[in-house]
C-alpha cells in the first residue's frame, strides 16, 4: 500500500505541474509533454498494486504492476545519471526501492 500511495502522490504532482517536478524535468531534459504520460504509468502501477490486494485479482497483476514501476524508476535513475543530476538521486532511488520491495513481496507470498 505504501508503494501505491507514494505513486499516487507523485503522479498528482506530475499532473498538477508542481514546481519541483517542472524544475526537475527541465534539469533532466524531459519534455513537459511527457509528464501526463509518466503520471499515467505511475497511476496504472498504483492501481495494479491496489487491485492485487483483493482476493479476486490475480497476484500476477501486482507483480506486473510492481515490475513496471521498478522499470519506470530504473529509467528515472538512468536519466538522472545521464544528466549528472545527482543531488536528488535519492528520490527516484526511494521510489525504485519501494517498487522492488513490492515486487519481492508479491512474488514471495
Protein backbone atom coordinates (compact mmCIF):
# COMPACT_ATOMS: atom_id res chain seq x y z
CA UNK A 1 0.00 0.00 0.00
CA UNK A 2 2.94 2.34 0.65
CA UNK A 3 4.19 1.97 -2.92
CA UNK A 4 0.73 2.66 -4.30
CA UNK A 5 0.25 5.70 -2.05
CA UNK A 6 3.54 7.36 -2.93
CA UNK A 7 2.98 6.75 -6.63
CA UNK A 8 -0.47 8.31 -6.45
CA UNK A 9 1.10 11.31 -4.71
CA UNK A 10 3.90 11.82 -7.22
CA UNK A 11 1.51 11.26 -10.13
CA UNK A 12 -0.69 14.04 -8.73
CA UNK A 13 2.38 16.29 -8.58
CA UNK A 14 3.14 15.43 -12.21
CA UNK A 15 -0.42 16.15 -13.32
CA UNK A 16 -0.70 19.44 -11.47
CA UNK A 17 2.68 20.68 -12.69
CA UNK A 18 4.17 21.06 -9.24
CA UNK A 19 7.11 23.46 -9.22
CA UNK A 20 9.64 20.84 -8.09
CA UNK A 21 8.50 18.43 -10.82
CA UNK A 22 8.85 21.07 -13.53
CA UNK A 23 12.27 22.16 -12.28
CA UNK A 24 13.48 18.57 -12.13
CA UNK A 25 12.20 17.74 -15.60
CA UNK A 26 14.00 20.78 -17.05
CA UNK A 27 17.25 19.70 -15.39
CA UNK A 28 16.87 16.18 -16.75
CA UNK A 29 15.86 17.27 -20.23
CA UNK A 30 12.42 15.70 -20.02
CA UNK A 31 9.80 17.49 -22.13
CA UNK A 32 6.81 18.77 -20.20
CA UNK A 33 4.57 16.83 -22.61
CA UNK A 34 5.90 13.59 -21.08
CA UNK A 35 4.60 14.39 -17.58
CA UNK A 36 0.98 13.28 -18.12
CA UNK A 37 2.23 10.00 -19.64
CA UNK A 38 4.61 9.39 -16.77
CA UNK A 39 1.80 10.16 -14.32
CA UNK A 40 -0.45 7.68 -16.13
CA UNK A 41 2.21 4.97 -15.79
CA UNK A 42 2.56 5.69 -12.07
CA UNK A 43 -1.22 5.62 -11.57
CA UNK A 44 -1.53 2.37 -13.54
CA UNK A 45 1.15 0.80 -11.35
CA UNK A 46 -0.55 2.01 -8.20
CA UNK A 47 -3.92 0.72 -9.41
CA UNK A 48 -2.44 -2.68 -10.22
CA UNK A 49 -0.87 -2.92 -6.78
CA UNK A 50 -4.09 -1.94 -5.04
CA UNK A 51 -6.22 -4.30 -7.10
CA UNK A 52 -3.88 -7.19 -6.37
CA UNK A 53 -4.63 -6.81 -2.66
CA UNK A 54 -8.13 -8.21 -3.24
CA UNK A 55 -8.64 -11.96 -3.45
CA UNK A 56 -10.42 -11.72 -6.79
CA UNK A 57 -7.43 -10.13 -8.52
CA UNK A 58 -4.54 -12.36 -9.53
CA UNK A 59 -1.18 -11.92 -7.82
CA UNK A 60 0.31 -11.70 -11.29
CA UNK A 61 -1.34 -8.28 -11.65
CA UNK A 62 0.50 -7.00 -8.59
CA UNK A 63 3.77 -8.48 -9.79
CA UNK A 64 3.35 -6.88 -13.21
CA UNK A 65 2.47 -3.53 -11.64
CA UNK A 66 5.46 -3.61 -9.30
CA UNK A 67 7.76 -4.70 -12.11
CA UNK A 68 6.50 -1.88 -14.32
CA UNK A 69 7.08 0.66 -11.58
CA UNK A 70 10.56 -0.71 -10.89
CA UNK A 71 11.42 -0.37 -14.59
CA UNK A 72 9.98 3.15 -14.67
CA UNK A 73 12.19 4.21 -11.77
CA UNK A 74 15.24 2.46 -13.23
CA UNK A 75 14.66 4.73 -16.21
CA UNK A 76 14.40 7.73 -13.89
CA UNK A 77 17.69 6.78 -12.25
CA UNK A 78 19.28 6.45 -15.70
CA UNK A 79 18.01 9.91 -16.69
CA UNK A 80 19.48 11.39 -13.51
CA UNK A 81 22.83 9.74 -14.13
CA UNK A 82 22.87 10.73 -17.80
CA UNK A 83 22.17 14.36 -16.94
CA UNK A 84 24.55 14.21 -13.96
CA UNK A 85 21.82 15.44 -11.65
CA UNK A 86 22.96 13.58 -8.59
CA UNK A 87 21.87 15.82 -5.71
CA UNK A 88 18.33 14.43 -5.76
CA UNK A 89 19.08 10.88 -6.89
CA UNK A 90 17.64 9.62 -3.60
CA UNK A 91 14.07 10.36 -4.72
CA UNK A 92 13.93 8.02 -7.73
CA UNK A 93 16.10 5.64 -5.70
CA UNK A 94 13.49 5.57 -2.94
CA UNK A 95 10.64 5.06 -5.42
CA UNK A 96 12.62 2.26 -7.09
CA UNK A 97 13.28 0.62 -3.71
CA UNK A 98 9.59 0.61 -2.80
CA UNK A 99 8.64 -0.84 -6.19
CA UNK A 100 11.35 -3.52 -5.90
CA UNK A 101 10.20 -4.37 -2.36
CA UNK A 102 6.60 -4.63 -3.57
CA UNK A 103 7.73 -6.92 -6.37
CA UNK A 104 9.65 -9.10 -3.94
CA UNK A 105 6.70 -9.29 -1.54
CA UNK A 106 4.29 -10.08 -4.36
CA UNK A 107 6.28 -12.94 -5.84
CA UNK A 108 7.30 -14.40 -2.47
CA UNK A 109 3.82 -14.67 -0.99
